[in-house]
Amino acid sequence: MAAYLIYDVEIHDPEPYADFMRQVKPIVESFGGRYLARGGAHEVLEGDWTPSRLVLFEFPDMASARALFTSDAYAPLKALRHSCSTGHAVIVEGV
């Protein structure tokens, strides 16, 4: 069953974050992931959540999304992302 990784990111230093974005796509794809939304306009319809930049990925299943997030291949990029941004990530199983 498909799973969706939702990431709300606030970028503090755009230059290294741009480097992160260039490098991360092939790693995401190697775990079966694909981008469905990467930034772009969004609108909060209810509540007090104020997302900064939303990124939405689709993966074949929860295990694939989790494997990416904890992989050795992604670890240096996660460190790069942490150095220039803050955010929240969640995986949700599809129907």
PDB file of N, CA and C in Angstrom:
ATOM      1  N   MET A   1       0.835  -1.172   0.000  1.00  0.00           N
ATOM      2  CA  MET A   1       0.000   0.000   0.000  1.00  0.00           C
ATOM      3  C   MET A   1       0.886   1.245   0.000  1.00  0.00           C
ATOM      4  N   ALA A   2       0.563   2.194  -0.862  1.00  0.00           N
ATOM      5  CA  ALA A   2       1.369   3.414  -0.979  1.00  0.00           C
ATOM      6  C   ALA A   2       1.421   4.166   0.349  1.00  0.00           C
ATOM      7  N   ALA A   3       2.500   4.902   0.537  1.00  0.00           N
ATOM      8  CA  ALA A   3       2.674   5.744   1.714  1.00  0.00           C
ATOM      9  C   ALA A   3       3.147   7.114   1.250  1.00  0.00           C
ATOM     10  N   TYR A   4       2.839   8.109   2.045  1.00  0.00           N
ATOM     11  CA  TYR A   4       3.156   9.479   1.694  1.00  0.00           C
ATOM     12  C   TYR A   4       3.996  10.103   2.799  1.00  0.00           C
ATOM     13  N   LEU A   5       5.110  10.659   2.410  1.00  0.00           N
ATOM     14  CA  LEU A   5       5.974  11.387   3.332  1.00  0.00           C
ATOM     15  C   LEU A   5       5.668  12.859   3.129  1.00  0.00           C
ATOM     16  N   ILE A   6       5.284  13.511   4.196  1.00  0.00           N
ATOM     17  CA  ILE A   6       4.951  14.935   4.162  1.00  0.00           C
ATOM     18  C   ILE A   6       6.003  15.664   4.987  1.00  0.00           C
ATOM     19  N   TYR A   7       6.617  16.657   4.381  1.00  0.00           N
ATOM     20  CA  TYR A   7       7.679  17.392   5.047  1.00  0.00           C
ATOM     21  C   TYR A   7       7.361  18.879   4.997  1.00  0.00           C
ATOM     22  N   ASP A   8       7.339  19.505   6.155  1.00  0.00           N
ATOM     23  CA  ASP A   8       7.147  20.953   6.280  1.00  0.00           C
ATOM     24  C   ASP A   8       8.497  21.529   6.675  1.00  0.00           C
ATOM     25  N   VAL A   9       9.109  22.307   5.800  1.00  0.00           N
ATOM     26  CA  VAL A   9      10.471  22.784   6.016  1.00  0.00           C
ATOM     27  C   VAL A   9      10.521  24.309   6.020  1.00  0.00           C
ATOM     28  N   GLU A  10      11.299  24.839   6.942  1.00  0.00           N
ATOM     29  CA  GLU A  10      11.611  26.270   6.969  1.00  0.00           C
ATOM     30  C   GLU A  10      13.094  26.408   6.644  1.00  0.00           C
ATOM     31  N   ILE A  11      13.386  27.027   5.539  1.00  0.00           N
ATOM     32  CA  ILE A  11      14.763  27.157   5.049  1.00  0.00           C
ATOM     33  C   ILE A  11      15.395  28.399   5.661  1.00  0.00           C
ATOM     34  N   HIS A  12      16.558  28.207   6.320  1.00  0.00           N
ATOM     35  CA  HIS A  12      17.271  29.310   6.945  1.00  0.00           C
ATOM     36  C   HIS A  12      18.436  29.809   6.096  1.00  0.00           C
ATOM     37  N   ASP A  13      18.972  28.935   5.260  1.00  0.00           N
ATOM     38  CA  ASP A  13      20.120  29.281   4.409  1.00  0.00           C
ATOM     39  C   ASP A  13      19.888  28.663   3.033  1.00  0.00           C
ATOM     40  N   PRO A  14      19.374  29.429   2.076  1.00  0.00           N
ATOM     41  CA  PRO A  14      18.947  28.888   0.787  1.00  0.00           C
ATOM     42  C   PRO A  14      20.050  28.240  -0.062  1.00  0.00           C
ATOM     43  N   GLU A  15      21.268  28.747   0.015  1.00  0.00           N
ATOM     44  CA  GLU A  15      22.327  28.212  -0.852  1.00  0.00           C
ATOM     45  C   GLU A  15      22.645  26.746  -0.550  1.00  0.00           C
ATOM     46  N   PRO A  16      22.937  26.365   0.702  1.00  0.00           N
ATOM     47  CA  PRO A  16      23.170  24.948   0.951  1.00  0.00           C
ATOM     48  C   PRO A  16      21.903  24.111   0.785  1.00  0.00           C
ATOM     49  N   TYR A  17      20.735  24.708   1.033  1.00  0.00           N
ATOM     50  CA  TYR A  17      19.502  23.946   0.834  1.00  0.00           C
ATOM     51  C   TYR A  17      19.305  23.625  -0.645  1.00  0.00           C
ATOM     52  N   ALA A  18      19.673  24.542  -1.520  1.00  0.00           N
ATOM     53  CA  ALA A  18      19.598  24.271  -2.965  1.00  0.00           C
ATOM     54  C   ALA A  18      20.521  23.116  -3.333  1.00  0.00           C
ATOM     55  N   ASP A  19      21.682  23.048  -2.707  1.00  0.00           N
ATOM     56  CA  ASP A  19      22.607  21.931  -2.913  1.00  0.00           C
ATOM     57  C   ASP A  19      21.961  20.626  -2.443  1.00  0.00           C
ATOM     58  N   PHE A  20      21.318  20.653  -1.282  1.00  0.00           N
ATOM     59  CA  PHE A  20      20.591  19.490  -0.774  1.00  0.00           C
ATOM     60  C   PHE A  20      19.550  19.030  -1.792  1.00  0.00           C
ATOM     61  N   MET A  21      18.760  19.946  -2.318  1.00  0.00           N
ATOM     62  CA  MET A  21      17.696  19.584  -3.261  1.00  0.00           C
ATOM     63  C   MET A  21      18.261  18.942  -4.527  1.00  0.00           C
ATOM     64  N   ARG A  22      19.389  19.434  -5.007  1.00  0.00           N
ATOM     65  CA  ARG A  22      20.002  18.846  -6.209  1.00  0.00           C
ATOM     66  C   ARG A  22      20.452  17.410  -5.959  1.00  0.00           C
ATOM     67  N   GLN A  23      20.936  17.140  -4.759  1.00  0.00           N
ATOM     68  CA  GLN A  23      21.495  15.823  -4.463  1.00  0.00           C
ATOM     69  C   GLN A  23      20.457  14.789  -4.018  1.00  0.00           C
ATOM     70  N   VAL A  24      19.357  15.217  -3.452  1.00  0.00           N
ATOM     71  CA  VAL A  24      18.445  14.278  -2.795  1.00  0.00           C
ATOM     72  C   VAL A  24      17.540  13.514  -3.765  1.00  0.00           C
ATOM     73  N   LYS A  25      17.186  14.098  -4.897  1.00  0.00           N
ATOM     74  CA  LYS A  25      16.217  13.453  -5.797  1.00  0.00           C
ATOM     75  C   LYS A  25      16.631  12.035  -6.199  1.00  0.00           C
ATOM     76  N   PRO A  26      17.871  11.785  -6.632  1.00  0.00           N
ATOM     77  CA  PRO A  26      18.214  10.406  -7.018  1.00  0.00           C
ATOM     78  C   PRO A  26      18.142   9.420  -5.847  1.00  0.00           C
ATOM     79  N   ILE A  27      18.408   9.899  -4.642  1.00  0.00           N
ATOM     80  CA  ILE A  27      18.327   9.009  -3.477  1.00  0.00           C
ATOM     81  C   ILE A  27      16.865   8.682  -3.183  1.00  0.00           C
ATOM     82  N   VAL A  28      16.000   9.695  -3.246  1.00  0.00           N
ATOM     83  CA  VAL A  28      14.563   9.454  -3.067  1.00  0.00           C
ATOM     84  C   VAL A  28      14.088   8.423  -4.085  1.00  0.00           C
ATOM     85  N   GLU A  29      14.466   8.603  -5.332  1.00  0.00           N
ATOM     86  CA  GLU A  29      14.042   7.688  -6.397  1.00  0.00           C
ATOM     87  C   GLU A  29      14.586   6.282  -6.194  1.00  0.00           C
ATOM     88  N   SER A  30      15.789   6.155  -5.628  1.00  0.00           N
ATOM     89  CA  SER A  30      16.368   4.831  -5.408  1.00  0.00           C
ATOM     90  C   SER A  30      15.590   4.027  -4.369  1.00  0.00           C
ATOM     91  N   PHE A  31      14.794   4.693  -3.546  1.00  0.00           N
ATOM     92  CA  PHE A  31      13.942   4.016  -2.571  1.00  0.00           C
ATOM     93  C   PHE A  31      12.500   3.910  -3.069  1.00  0.00           C
ATOM     94  N   GLY A  32      12.298   4.186  -4.348  1.00  0.00           N
ATOM     95  CA  GLY A  32      10.966   4.071  -4.944  1.00  0.00           C
ATOM     96  C   GLY A  32      10.096   5.287  -4.755  1.00  0.00           C
ATOM     97  N   GLY A  33      10.673   6.385  -4.274  1.00  0.00           N
ATOM     98  CA  GLY A  33       9.894   7.588  -4.012  1.00  0.00           C
ATOM     99  C   GLY A  33       9.811   8.497  -5.219  1.00  0.00           C
ATOM    100  N   ARG A  34       8.776   9.323  -5.205  1.00  0.00           N
ATOM    101  CA  ARG A  34       8.636  10.354  -6.239  1.00  0.00           C
ATOM    102  C   ARG A  34       7.976  11.567  -5.620  1.00  0.00           C
ATOM    103  N   TYR A  35       8.347  12.725  -6.146  1.00  0.00           N
ATOM    104  CA  TYR A  35       7.785  13.983  -5.663  1.00  0.00           C
ATOM    105  C   TYR A  35       6.388  14.174  -6.234  1.00  0.00           C
ATOM    106  N   LEU A  36       5.457  14.551  -5.377  1.00  0.00           N
ATOM    107  CA  LEU A  36       4.126  14.946  -5.824  1.00  0.00           C
ATOM    108  C   LEU A  36       3.946  16.455  -5.698  1.00  0.00           C
ATOM    109  N   ALA A  37       4.584  17.045  -4.713  1.00  0.00           N
ATOM    110  CA  ALA A  37       4.576  18.505  -4.537  1.00  0.00           C
ATOM    111  C   ALA A  37       5.911  18.889  -3.913  1.00  0.00           C
ATOM    112  N   ARG A  38       6.460  19.977  -4.388  1.00  0.00           N
ATOM    113  CA  ARG A  38       7.766  20.424  -3.895  1.00  0.00           C
ATOM    114  C   ARG A  38       7.725  21.937  -3.789  1.00  0.00           C
ATOM    115  N   GLY A  39       7.297  22.412  -2.623  1.00  0.00           N
ATOM    116  CA  GLY A  39       7.106  23.847  -2.456  1.00  0.00           C
ATOM    117  C   GLY A  39       5.804  24.256  -3.114  1.00  0.00           C
ATOM    118  N   GLY A  40       5.757  25.412  -3.647  1.00  0.00           N
ATOM    119  CA  GLY A  40       4.554  25.870  -4.339  1.00  0.00           C
ATOM    120  C   GLY A  40       3.545  26.480  -3.376  1.00  0.00           C
ATOM    121  N   ALA A  41       2.493  26.995  -3.951  1.00  0.00           N
ATOM    122  CA  ALA A  41       1.450  27.666  -3.172  1.00  0.00           C
ATOM    123  C   ALA A  41       0.702  26.653  -2.316  1.00  0.00           C
ATOM    124  N   HIS A  42       0.363  27.074  -1.117  1.00  0.00           N
ATOM    125  CA  HIS A  42      -0.492  26.268  -0.245  1.00  0.00           C
ATOM    126  C   HIS A  42      -1.377  27.209   0.561  1.00  0.00           C
ATOM    127  N   GLU A  43      -2.441  26.657   1.095  1.00  0.00           N
ATOM    128  CA  GLU A  43      -3.412  27.463   1.832  1.00  0.00           C
ATOM    129  C   GLU A  43      -3.904  26.659   3.026  1.00  0.00           C
ATOM    130  N   VAL A  44      -3.798  27.228   4.208  1.00  0.00           N
ATOM    131  CA  VAL A  44      -4.321  26.591   5.417  1.00  0.00           C
ATOM    132  C   VAL A  44      -5.822  26.865   5.466  1.00  0.00           C
ATOM    133  N   LEU A  45      -6.604  25.803   5.545  1.00  0.00           N
ATOM    134  CA  LEU A  45      -8.054  25.946   5.536  1.00  0.00           C
ATOM    135  C   LEU A  45      -8.667  25.906   6.931  1.00  0.00           C
ATOM    136  N   GLU A  46      -7.926  25.335   7.886  1.00  0.00           N
ATOM    137  CA  GLU A  46      -8.463  25.229   9.237  1.00  0.00           C
ATOM    138  C   GLU A  46      -7.318  25.086  10.223  1.00  0.00           C
ATOM    139  N   GLY A  47      -7.491  25.606  11.400  1.00  0.00           N
ATOM    140  CA  GLY A  47      -6.489  25.471  12.449  1.00  0.00           C
ATOM    141  C   GLY A  47      -5.429  26.554  12.383  1.00  0.00           C
ATOM    142  N   ASP A  48      -4.423  26.407  13.265  1.00  0.00           N
ATOM    143  CA  ASP A  48      -3.393  27.429  13.375  1.00  0.00           C
ATOM    144  C   ASP A  48      -2.033  26.967  12.861  1.00  0.00           C
ATOM    145  N   TRP A  49      -2.010  25.896  12.083  1.00  0.00           N
ATOM    146  CA  TRP A  49      -0.782  25.410  11.482  1.00  0.00           C
ATOM    147  C   TRP A  49      -0.322  26.428  10.448  1.00  0.00           C
ATOM    148  N   THR A  50       0.950  26.800  10.489  1.00  0.00           N
ATOM    149  CA  THR A  50       1.492  27.754   9.525  1.00  0.00           C
ATOM    150  C   THR A  50       2.699  27.134   8.828  1.00  0.00           C
ATOM    151  N   PRO A  51       2.461  26.221   7.912  1.00  0.00           N
ATOM    152  CA  PRO A  51       3.589  25.598   7.219  1.00  0.00           C
ATOM    153  C   PRO A  51       4.367  26.625   6.411  1.00  0.00           C
ATOM    154  N   SER A  52       5.655  26.362   6.291  1.00  0.00           N
ATOM    155  CA  SER A  52       6.525  27.257   5.539  1.00  0.00           C
ATOM    156  C   SER A  52       6.614  26.804   4.079  1.00  0.00           C
ATOM    157  N   ARG A  53       7.153  25.619   3.884  1.00  0.00           N
ATOM    158  CA  ARG A  53       7.316  25.049   2.544  1.00  0.00           C
ATOM    159  C   ARG A  53       6.963  23.572   2.665  1.00  0.00           C
ATOM    160  N   LEU A  54       5.984  23.123   1.916  1.00  0.00           N
ATOM    161  CA  LEU A  54       5.545  21.732   1.998  1.00  0.00           C
ATOM    162  C   LEU A  54       6.100  20.915   0.842  1.00  0.00           C
ATOM    163  N   VAL A  55       6.552  19.719   1.192  1.00  0.00           N
ATOM    164  CA  VAL A  55       7.035  18.775   0.196  1.00  0.00           C
ATOM    165  C   VAL A  55       6.272  17.481   0.436  1.00  0.00           C
ATOM    166  N   LEU A  56       5.757  16.889  -0.635  1.00  0.00           N
ATOM    167  CA  LEU A  56       4.973  15.659  -0.557  1.00  0.00           C
ATOM    168  C   LEU A  56       5.585  14.624  -1.489  1.00  0.00           C
ATOM    169  N   PHE A  57       5.894  13.448  -0.906  1.00  0.00           N
ATOM    170  CA  PHE A  57       6.472  12.339  -1.653  1.00  0.00           C
ATOM    171  C   PHE A  57       5.509  11.160  -1.606  1.00  0.00           C
ATOM    172  N   GLU A  58       5.532  10.359  -2.643  1.00  0.00           N
ATOM    173  CA  GLU A  58       4.817   9.081  -2.631  1.00  0.00           C
ATOM    174  C   GLU A  58       5.854   7.969  -2.677  1.00  0.00           C
ATOM    175  N   PHE A  59       5.671   6.948  -1.834  1.00  0.00           N
ATOM    176  CA  PHE A  59       6.534   5.770  -1.790  1.00  0.00           C
ATOM    177  C   PHE A  59       5.669   4.523  -1.957  1.00  0.00           C
ATOM    178  N   PRO A  60       6.273   3.411  -2.360  1.00  0.00           N
ATOM    179  CA  PRO A  60       5.488   2.185  -2.531  1.00  0.00           C
ATOM    180  C   PRO A  60       4.818   1.722  -1.240  1.00  0.00           C
ATOM    181  N   ASP A  61       5.448   2.008  -0.096  1.00  0.00           N
ATOM    182  CA  ASP A  61       4.922   1.559   1.194  1.00  0.00           C
ATOM    183  C   ASP A  61       5.641   2.307   2.311  1.00  0.00           C
ATOM    184  N   MET A  62       5.156   2.112   3.545  1.00  0.00           N
ATOM    185  CA  MET A  62       5.745   2.778   4.712  1.00  0.00           C
ATOM    186  C   MET A  62       7.207   2.376   4.890  1.00  0.00           C
ATOM    187  N   ALA A  63       7.498   1.111   4.680  1.00  0.00           N
ATOM    188  CA  ALA A  63       8.864   0.617   4.885  1.00  0.00           C
ATOM    189  C   ALA A  63       9.848   1.329   3.962  1.00  0.00           C
ATOM    190  N   SER A  64       9.472   1.591   2.725  1.00  0.00           N
ATOM    191  CA  SER A  64      10.365   2.271   1.772  1.00  0.00           C
ATOM    192  C   SER A  64      10.637   3.704   2.201  1.00  0.00           C
ATOM    193  N   ALA A  65       9.606   4.395   2.657  1.00  0.00           N
ATOM    194  CA  ALA A  65       9.786   5.782   3.120  1.00  0.00           C
ATOM    195  C   ALA A  65      10.676   5.815   4.359  1.00  0.00           C
ATOM    196  N   ARG A  66      10.428   4.908   5.273  1.00  0.00           N
ATOM    197  CA  ARG A  66      11.235   4.834   6.499  1.00  0.00           C
ATOM    198  C   ARG A  66      12.679   4.465   6.169  1.00  0.00           C
ATOM    199  N   ALA A  67      12.855   3.546   5.227  1.00  0.00           N
ATOM    200  CA  ALA A  67      14.203   3.112   4.838  1.00  0.00           C
ATOM    201  C   ALA A  67      15.008   4.280   4.270  1.00  0.00           C
ATOM    202  N   LEU A  68      14.382   5.119   3.456  1.00  0.00           N
ATOM    203  CA  LEU A  68      15.073   6.306   2.949  1.00  0.00           C
ATOM    204  C   LEU A  68      15.533   7.171   4.114  1.00  0.00           C
ATOM    205  N   PHE A  69      14.627   7.476   5.014  1.00  0.00           N
ATOM    206  CA  PHE A  69      14.894   8.427   6.084  1.00  0.00           C
ATOM    207  C   PHE A  69      15.989   7.960   7.027  1.00  0.00           C
ATOM    208  N   THR A  70      16.194   6.652   7.121  1.00  0.00           N
ATOM    209  CA  THR A  70      17.186   6.095   8.049  1.00  0.00           C
ATOM    210  C   THR A  70      18.404   5.512   7.337  1.00  0.00           C
ATOM    211  N   SER A  71      18.498   5.687   6.030  1.00  0.00           N
ATOM    212  CA  SER A  71      19.560   5.046   5.252  1.00  0.00           C
ATOM    213  C   SER A  71      20.918   5.743   5.394  1.00  0.00           C
ATOM    214  N   ASP A  72      21.976   4.971   5.181  1.00  0.00           N
ATOM    215  CA  ASP A  72      23.335   5.525   5.148  1.00  0.00           C
ATOM    216  C   ASP A  72      23.500   6.482   3.969  1.00  0.00           C
ATOM    217  N   ALA A  73      22.819   6.189   2.863  1.00  0.00           N
ATOM    218  CA  ALA A  73      22.922   7.052   1.680  1.00  0.00           C
ATOM    219  C   ALA A  73      22.347   8.443   1.948  1.00  0.00           C
ATOM    220  N   TYR A  74      21.297   8.504   2.753  1.00  0.00           N
ATOM    221  CA  TYR A  74      20.632   9.772   3.028  1.00  0.00           C
ATOM    222  C   TYR A  74      21.267  10.530   4.199  1.00  0.00           C
ATOM    223  N   ALA A  75      21.995   9.841   5.061  1.00  0.00           N
ATOM    224  CA  ALA A  75      22.534  10.451   6.285  1.00  0.00           C
ATOM    225  C   ALA A  75      23.309  11.749   6.046  1.00  0.00           C
ATOM    226  N   PRO A  76      24.242  11.796   5.076  1.00  0.00           N
ATOM    227  CA  PRO A  76      24.967  13.067   4.887  1.00  0.00           C
ATOM    228  C   PRO A  76      24.060  14.191   4.382  1.00  0.00           C
ATOM    229  N   LEU A  77      23.050  13.831   3.599  1.00  0.00           N
ATOM    230  CA  LEU A  77      22.126  14.865   3.126  1.00  0.00           C
ATOM    231  C   LEU A  77      21.200  15.325   4.242  1.00  0.00           C
ATOM    232  N   LYS A  78      20.845  14.419   5.137  1.00  0.00           N
ATOM    233  CA  LYS A  78      20.042  14.811   6.297  1.00  0.00           C
ATOM    234  C   LYS A  78      20.831  15.803   7.154  1.00  0.00           C
ATOM    235  N   ALA A  79      22.130  15.552   7.332  1.00  0.00           N
ATOM    236  CA  ALA A  79      22.973  16.475   8.092  1.00  0.00           C
ATOM    237  C   ALA A  79      23.051  17.835   7.392  1.00  0.00           C
ATOM    238  N   LEU A  80      23.181  17.825   6.078  1.00  0.00           N
ATOM    239  CA  LEU A  80      23.199  19.075   5.309  1.00  0.00           C
ATOM    240  C   LEU A  80      21.878  19.807   5.476  1.00  0.00           C
ATOM    241  N   ARG A  81      20.768  19.091   5.371  1.00  0.00           N
ATOM    242  CA  ARG A  81      19.443  19.699   5.536  1.00  0.00           C
ATOM    243  C   ARG A  81      19.300  20.301   6.931  1.00  0.00           C
ATOM    244  N   HIS A  82      19.749  19.577   7.953  1.00  0.00           N
ATOM    245  CA  HIS A  82      19.655  20.088   9.325  1.00  0.00           C
ATOM    246  C   HIS A  82      20.509  21.343   9.534  1.00  0.00           C
ATOM    247  N   SER A  83      21.577  21.477   8.759  1.00  0.00           N
ATOM    248  CA  SER A  83      22.461  22.640   8.917  1.00  0.00           C
ATOM    249  C   SER A  83      21.865  23.928   8.361  1.00  0.00           C
ATOM    250  N   CYS A  84      20.857  23.810   7.502  1.00  0.00           N
ATOM    251  CA  CYS A  84      20.350  25.005   6.828  1.00  0.00           C
ATOM    252  C   CYS A  84      18.835  25.152   6.891  1.00  0.00           C
ATOM    253  N   SER A  85      18.166  24.250   7.633  1.00  0.00           N
ATOM    254  CA  SER A  85      16.710  24.323   7.712  1.00  0.00           C
ATOM    255  C   SER A  85      16.216  23.614   8.971  1.00  0.00           C
ATOM    256  N   THR A  86      14.964  23.847   9.286  1.00  0.00           N
ATOM    257  CA  THR A  86      14.274  23.091  10.329  1.00  0.00           C
ATOM    258  C   THR A  86      12.963  22.607   9.736  1.00  0.00           C
ATOM    259  N   GLY A  87      12.440  21.541  10.287  1.00  0.00           N
ATOM    260  CA  GLY A  87      11.192  21.054   9.726  1.00  0.00           C
ATOM    261  C   GLY A  87      10.573  19.937  10.523  1.00  0.00           C
ATOM    262  N   HIS A  88       9.473  19.444   9.985  1.00  0.00           N
ATOM    263  CA  HIS A  88       8.720  18.349  10.557  1.00  0.00           C
ATOM    264  C   HIS A  88       8.420  17.364   9.429  1.00  0.00           C
ATOM    265  N   ALA A  89       8.536  16.075   9.726  1.00  0.00           N
ATOM    266  CA  ALA A  89       8.262  15.044   8.728  1.00  0.00           C
ATOM    267  C   ALA A  89       7.319  14.012   9.317  1.00  0.00           C
ATOM    268  N   VAL A  90       6.426  13.518   8.489  1.00  0.00           N
ATOM    269  CA  VAL A  90       5.494  12.474   8.893  1.00  0.00           C
ATOM    270  C   VAL A  90       5.267  11.551   7.699  1.00  0.00           C
ATOM    271  N   ILE A  91       5.073  10.269   7.995  1.00  0.00           N
ATOM    272  CA  ILE A  91       4.709   9.299   6.963  1.00  0.00           C
ATOM    273  C   ILE A  91       3.271   8.874   7.251  1.00  0.00           C
ATOM    274  N   VAL A  92       2.464   8.828   6.223  1.00  0.00           N
ATOM    275  CA  VAL A  92       1.078   8.384   6.375  1.00  0.00           C
ATOM    276  C   VAL A  92       0.790   7.320   5.314  1.00  0.00           C
ATOM    277  N   GLU A  93       0.116   6.264   5.745  1.00  0.00           N
ATOM    278  CA  GLU A  93      -0.235   5.177   4.841  1.00  0.00           C
ATOM    279  C   GLU A  93      -1.437   5.589   3.998  1.00  0.00           C
ATOM    280  N   GLY A  94      -1.366   5.265   2.717  1.00  0.00           N
ATOM    281  CA  GLY A  94      -2.467   5.555   1.810  1.00  0.00           C
ATOM    282  C   GLY A  94      -3.618   4.575   1.979  1.00  0.00           C
ATOM    283  N   VAL A  95      -4.672   4.774   1.208  1.00  0.00           N
ATOM    284  CA  VAL A  95      -5.829   3.878   1.265  1.00  0.00           C
ATOM    285  C   VAL A  95      -5.899   3.015   0.034  1.00  0.00           C
TER     286      VAL A  95
END
